[in-house]
N, C-alpha and C. Protein backbone atom coordinates (compact mmCIF):
# COMPACT_ATOMS: atom_id res chain seq x y z
N MET A 1 101.65 58.46 78.11
CA MET A 1 102.50 59.17 79.04
C MET A 1 102.05 60.64 79.10
N ALA A 2 101.85 61.16 80.31
CA ALA A 2 101.39 62.53 80.49
C ALA A 2 102.55 63.49 80.28
N SER A 3 102.24 64.63 79.66
CA SER A 3 103.28 65.64 79.47
C SER A 3 103.54 66.38 80.78
N GLU A 4 104.65 67.09 80.83
CA GLU A 4 105.00 67.84 82.04
C GLU A 4 104.03 68.99 82.27
N LEU A 5 103.30 69.41 81.25
CA LEU A 5 102.38 70.53 81.37
C LEU A 5 101.03 70.11 81.96
N GLU A 6 100.75 68.83 81.96
CA GLU A 6 99.48 68.36 82.49
C GLU A 6 99.54 68.29 84.02
N LEU A 7 98.43 68.61 84.66
CA LEU A 7 98.35 68.54 86.11
C LEU A 7 97.69 67.25 86.54
N SER A 8 98.14 66.68 87.65
CA SER A 8 97.46 65.52 88.21
C SER A 8 96.12 65.99 88.75
N GLU A 9 95.23 65.08 89.08
CA GLU A 9 93.92 65.45 89.63
C GLU A 9 94.08 66.26 90.91
N ASN A 10 95.01 65.86 91.78
CA ASN A 10 95.23 66.58 93.03
C ASN A 10 95.78 67.98 92.78
N GLU A 11 96.73 68.10 91.84
CA GLU A 11 97.29 69.41 91.51
C GLU A 11 96.23 70.32 90.91
N LEU A 12 95.37 69.78 90.06
CA LEU A 12 94.30 70.55 89.45
C LEU A 12 93.31 71.02 90.51
N ALA A 13 92.95 70.13 91.44
CA ALA A 13 92.03 70.51 92.51
C ALA A 13 92.62 71.62 93.37
N ASP A 14 93.92 71.52 93.67
CA ASP A 14 94.58 72.57 94.45
C ASP A 14 94.58 73.89 93.69
N GLU A 15 94.86 73.85 92.40
CA GLU A 15 94.91 75.07 91.59
C GLU A 15 93.55 75.75 91.52
N LEU A 16 92.50 74.96 91.41
CA LEU A 16 91.15 75.52 91.35
C LEU A 16 90.68 76.00 92.71
N ALA A 17 91.11 75.33 93.77
CA ALA A 17 90.66 75.68 95.11
C ALA A 17 91.31 76.94 95.62
N GLY A 18 92.58 77.08 95.43
CA GLY A 18 93.30 78.23 95.93
C GLY A 18 93.67 78.08 97.39
N PRO A 19 94.37 79.08 97.90
CA PRO A 19 94.80 79.03 99.31
C PRO A 19 93.61 79.19 100.25
N PRO A 20 93.79 78.86 101.52
CA PRO A 20 92.70 79.03 102.49
C PRO A 20 92.45 80.51 102.79
N LEU A 21 91.26 80.83 103.22
CA LEU A 21 90.92 82.22 103.57
C LEU A 21 91.72 82.72 104.76
N GLU A 22 92.10 81.82 105.62
CA GLU A 22 92.83 82.16 106.83
C GLU A 22 94.31 81.83 106.61
N PRO A 23 95.23 82.73 106.94
CA PRO A 23 96.65 82.42 106.75
C PRO A 23 97.04 81.13 107.47
N GLY A 24 97.84 80.31 106.81
CA GLY A 24 98.26 79.03 107.36
C GLY A 24 99.57 79.14 108.13
N ALA A 25 99.88 78.11 108.88
CA ALA A 25 101.11 78.07 109.68
C ALA A 25 102.35 78.09 108.80
N ASP A 26 102.22 77.66 107.54
CA ASP A 26 103.37 77.62 106.63
C ASP A 26 103.59 78.95 105.91
N GLU A 27 102.77 79.97 106.20
CA GLU A 27 102.91 81.26 105.54
C GLU A 27 103.79 82.20 106.35
N ARG A 28 104.54 83.02 105.64
CA ARG A 28 105.42 84.00 106.25
C ARG A 28 105.10 85.37 105.64
N PRO A 29 105.59 86.46 106.23
CA PRO A 29 105.30 87.77 105.64
C PRO A 29 105.68 87.79 104.16
N GLY A 30 104.81 88.38 103.35
CA GLY A 30 105.02 88.42 101.91
C GLY A 30 105.85 89.60 101.46
N ALA A 31 105.89 89.78 100.17
CA ALA A 31 106.67 90.85 99.55
C ALA A 31 106.29 92.21 100.13
N GLN A 32 107.28 93.02 100.38
CA GLN A 32 107.05 94.36 100.92
C GLN A 32 106.59 95.32 99.83
N SER A 33 106.76 94.94 98.59
CA SER A 33 106.36 95.79 97.48
C SER A 33 104.85 95.94 97.46
N THR A 34 104.39 97.14 97.20
CA THR A 34 102.95 97.39 97.11
C THR A 34 102.41 97.03 95.73
N THR A 35 103.29 96.65 94.81
CA THR A 35 102.86 96.34 93.45
C THR A 35 101.87 95.18 93.42
N PHE A 36 102.18 94.09 94.11
CA PHE A 36 101.29 92.92 94.10
C PHE A 36 99.93 93.28 94.69
N ALA A 37 99.91 93.96 95.83
CA ALA A 37 98.64 94.36 96.46
C ALA A 37 97.85 95.28 95.53
N ALA A 38 98.54 96.18 94.84
CA ALA A 38 97.86 97.09 93.91
C ALA A 38 97.25 96.33 92.74
N GLU A 39 97.95 95.31 92.24
CA GLU A 39 97.40 94.47 91.16
C GLU A 39 96.14 93.75 91.63
N CYS A 40 96.19 93.23 92.85
CA CYS A 40 95.04 92.52 93.41
C CYS A 40 93.86 93.47 93.57
N LEU A 41 94.12 94.64 94.11
CA LEU A 41 93.05 95.63 94.31
C LEU A 41 92.45 96.06 92.97
N ALA A 42 93.27 96.20 91.95
CA ALA A 42 92.76 96.56 90.62
C ALA A 42 91.78 95.50 90.12
N GLY A 43 92.08 94.23 90.37
CA GLY A 43 91.17 93.15 89.99
C GLY A 43 89.87 93.22 90.75
N VAL A 44 89.94 93.54 92.03
CA VAL A 44 88.74 93.67 92.87
C VAL A 44 87.86 94.79 92.35
N ARG A 45 88.46 95.90 91.99
CA ARG A 45 87.69 97.09 91.58
C ARG A 45 86.96 96.89 90.25
N THR A 46 87.24 95.80 89.54
CA THR A 46 86.50 95.51 88.31
C THR A 46 85.19 94.77 88.60
N LEU A 47 85.01 94.32 89.84
CA LEU A 47 83.82 93.55 90.20
C LEU A 47 82.63 94.48 90.42
N PRO A 48 81.44 94.04 90.02
CA PRO A 48 80.23 94.86 90.25
C PRO A 48 80.04 95.14 91.75
N SER A 49 79.61 96.31 92.07
CA SER A 49 79.29 96.75 93.43
C SER A 49 80.51 96.92 94.33
N SER A 50 81.74 96.73 93.82
CA SER A 50 82.91 96.83 94.68
C SER A 50 83.12 98.24 95.21
N GLU A 51 82.53 99.24 94.56
CA GLU A 51 82.67 100.61 95.07
C GLU A 51 81.95 100.79 96.40
N GLN A 52 81.08 99.85 96.76
CA GLN A 52 80.37 99.89 98.04
C GLN A 52 81.14 99.18 99.15
N TRP A 53 82.27 98.58 98.82
CA TRP A 53 83.04 97.83 99.80
C TRP A 53 84.02 98.75 100.50
N VAL A 54 84.02 98.71 101.82
CA VAL A 54 84.95 99.48 102.63
C VAL A 54 86.04 98.51 103.10
N LEU A 55 87.25 98.70 102.57
CA LEU A 55 88.34 97.79 102.88
C LEU A 55 88.93 98.10 104.24
N GLY A 56 89.28 97.03 104.95
CA GLY A 56 89.87 97.17 106.28
C GLY A 56 91.28 96.63 106.29
N ALA A 57 91.56 95.80 107.31
CA ALA A 57 92.91 95.25 107.49
C ALA A 57 93.34 94.44 106.27
N GLU A 58 94.59 94.61 105.88
CA GLU A 58 95.16 93.96 104.71
C GLU A 58 96.41 93.19 105.13
N LEU A 59 96.63 92.04 104.50
CA LEU A 59 97.80 91.22 104.82
C LEU A 59 98.31 90.53 103.56
N VAL A 60 99.61 90.63 103.33
CA VAL A 60 100.26 89.89 102.25
C VAL A 60 101.20 88.88 102.89
N THR A 61 100.99 87.61 102.57
CA THR A 61 101.86 86.54 103.06
C THR A 61 102.42 85.78 101.88
N ASN A 62 103.32 84.85 102.15
CA ASN A 62 103.94 84.04 101.11
C ASN A 62 104.10 82.63 101.63
N CYS A 63 103.86 81.65 100.76
CA CYS A 63 104.15 80.26 101.09
C CYS A 63 104.64 79.56 99.84
N ASP A 64 105.28 78.42 100.03
CA ASP A 64 105.87 77.71 98.90
C ASP A 64 104.81 77.27 97.88
N GLN A 65 103.64 76.84 98.34
CA GLN A 65 102.63 76.32 97.42
C GLN A 65 101.96 77.42 96.59
N TRP A 66 101.64 78.56 97.20
CA TRP A 66 100.83 79.58 96.53
C TRP A 66 101.59 80.84 96.17
N GLY A 67 102.80 81.01 96.67
CA GLY A 67 103.51 82.27 96.44
C GLY A 67 102.89 83.36 97.31
N ASP A 68 102.88 84.60 96.80
CA ASP A 68 102.29 85.70 97.56
C ASP A 68 100.77 85.58 97.56
N ILE A 69 100.19 85.84 98.72
CA ILE A 69 98.73 85.79 98.91
C ILE A 69 98.30 87.11 99.54
N TRP A 70 97.34 87.78 98.91
CA TRP A 70 96.81 89.05 99.42
C TRP A 70 95.44 88.79 100.02
N ARG A 71 95.24 89.22 101.25
CA ARG A 71 93.95 89.09 101.92
C ARG A 71 93.57 90.44 102.51
N VAL A 72 92.30 90.76 102.48
CA VAL A 72 91.81 91.99 103.09
C VAL A 72 90.39 91.75 103.59
N ASP A 73 90.12 92.20 104.82
CA ASP A 73 88.76 92.14 105.36
C ASP A 73 88.01 93.37 104.87
N PHE A 74 86.70 93.25 104.66
CA PHE A 74 85.93 94.38 104.17
C PHE A 74 84.50 94.34 104.67
N GLU A 75 83.87 95.50 104.62
CA GLU A 75 82.46 95.63 104.93
C GLU A 75 81.75 96.12 103.68
N ILE A 76 80.47 95.88 103.60
CA ILE A 76 79.66 96.34 102.48
C ILE A 76 78.83 97.52 102.97
N ASP A 77 79.05 98.69 102.36
CA ASP A 77 78.37 99.91 102.80
C ASP A 77 78.55 100.15 104.29
N SER A 78 79.74 99.86 104.80
CA SER A 78 80.09 100.04 106.22
C SER A 78 79.22 99.21 107.16
N GLU A 79 78.58 98.16 106.64
CA GLU A 79 77.73 97.29 107.46
C GLU A 79 78.52 96.06 107.89
N SER A 80 78.56 95.82 109.19
CA SER A 80 79.28 94.67 109.74
C SER A 80 78.33 93.47 109.85
N PHE A 81 78.89 92.29 109.61
CA PHE A 81 78.14 91.05 109.78
C PHE A 81 78.62 90.31 111.02
N GLY A 82 79.30 91.06 111.94
CA GLY A 82 79.91 90.49 113.14
C GLY A 82 79.01 89.49 113.84
N PRO A 83 79.58 88.42 114.32
CA PRO A 83 81.01 88.14 114.40
C PRO A 83 81.60 87.57 113.11
N LEU A 84 80.79 87.42 112.07
CA LEU A 84 81.30 86.90 110.80
C LEU A 84 82.00 88.02 110.03
N LEU A 85 82.95 87.65 109.18
CA LEU A 85 83.71 88.62 108.40
C LEU A 85 83.59 88.38 106.91
N ASN A 86 83.75 89.44 106.16
CA ASN A 86 83.89 89.35 104.71
C ASN A 86 85.37 89.45 104.39
N ARG A 87 85.83 88.65 103.46
CA ARG A 87 87.26 88.67 103.12
C ARG A 87 87.44 88.55 101.62
N LEU A 88 88.38 89.34 101.11
CA LEU A 88 88.85 89.23 99.73
C LEU A 88 90.20 88.54 99.76
N MET A 89 90.47 87.75 98.73
CA MET A 89 91.76 87.07 98.68
C MET A 89 92.18 86.90 97.22
N SER A 90 93.46 87.11 96.95
CA SER A 90 94.03 86.91 95.61
C SER A 90 95.43 86.34 95.73
N TRP A 91 95.86 85.68 94.68
CA TRP A 91 97.21 85.14 94.55
C TRP A 91 97.50 85.04 93.07
N ARG A 92 98.75 84.88 92.71
CA ARG A 92 99.11 84.78 91.30
C ARG A 92 99.24 83.30 90.92
N ARG A 93 98.46 82.89 89.94
CA ARG A 93 98.55 81.51 89.44
C ARG A 93 99.80 81.36 88.57
N ALA A 94 100.14 80.13 88.27
CA ALA A 94 101.31 79.83 87.46
C ALA A 94 101.22 80.49 86.08
N ASP A 95 100.00 80.67 85.56
CA ASP A 95 99.84 81.28 84.24
C ASP A 95 99.86 82.81 84.30
N GLY A 96 100.08 83.38 85.49
CA GLY A 96 100.18 84.83 85.64
C GLY A 96 98.87 85.52 86.01
N THR A 97 97.75 84.82 85.91
CA THR A 97 96.48 85.43 86.27
C THR A 97 96.36 85.58 87.78
N ILE A 98 95.55 86.55 88.18
CA ILE A 98 95.33 86.80 89.61
C ILE A 98 93.83 86.66 89.88
N PRO A 99 93.42 85.50 90.39
CA PRO A 99 92.00 85.32 90.71
C PRO A 99 91.60 86.15 91.93
N VAL A 100 90.33 86.45 92.03
CA VAL A 100 89.79 87.17 93.18
C VAL A 100 88.73 86.30 93.83
N VAL A 101 88.90 86.03 95.11
CA VAL A 101 87.91 85.30 95.89
C VAL A 101 87.19 86.31 96.77
N VAL A 102 85.86 86.31 96.70
CA VAL A 102 85.03 87.17 97.54
C VAL A 102 84.27 86.24 98.48
N ALA A 103 84.58 86.31 99.76
CA ALA A 103 83.97 85.43 100.75
C ALA A 103 83.15 86.29 101.73
N ILE A 104 81.85 86.11 101.72
CA ILE A 104 80.94 86.90 102.55
C ILE A 104 80.53 86.09 103.77
N GLY A 105 80.53 86.71 104.94
CA GLY A 105 80.04 86.08 106.16
C GLY A 105 80.80 84.83 106.57
N GLN A 106 82.10 84.96 106.70
CA GLN A 106 82.95 83.81 107.04
C GLN A 106 83.30 83.81 108.52
N LYS A 107 83.45 82.62 109.07
CA LYS A 107 83.86 82.47 110.46
C LYS A 107 85.38 82.30 110.48
N VAL A 108 86.08 83.42 110.35
CA VAL A 108 87.53 83.47 110.36
C VAL A 108 87.95 84.59 111.30
N PRO A 109 89.15 84.48 111.89
CA PRO A 109 89.61 85.59 112.73
C PRO A 109 89.95 86.80 111.87
N PRO A 110 89.77 87.99 112.41
CA PRO A 110 90.12 89.19 111.63
C PRO A 110 91.61 89.25 111.38
N LEU A 111 91.98 89.87 110.28
CA LEU A 111 93.39 90.07 109.96
C LEU A 111 93.95 91.13 110.90
N ALA A 112 95.16 90.93 111.33
CA ALA A 112 95.78 91.89 112.27
C ALA A 112 96.44 93.02 111.52
């Protein structure tokens, strides 16, 4: 018998995959507090070469599956890859950690 702490294969795959780069239809505006976004940005700034990233539009949303999700479009050394975009994304996992996804050259609409 599996314990309540164990994840099913599907739950584990979801946890490792994370939310989509593009906000989903089930997402609504996230927390108005800047604390979550600041925590996410602090994690980004620990990455090598992040000082060369110029951050653009930022969006915090919330959904039942992932909780608050922070997304921000960015350029590297002010260089655009248009029409493709670079996007950073973070969310808080159940264990309290905040992963950082760095997606370069993605075919996603820009954040508003």
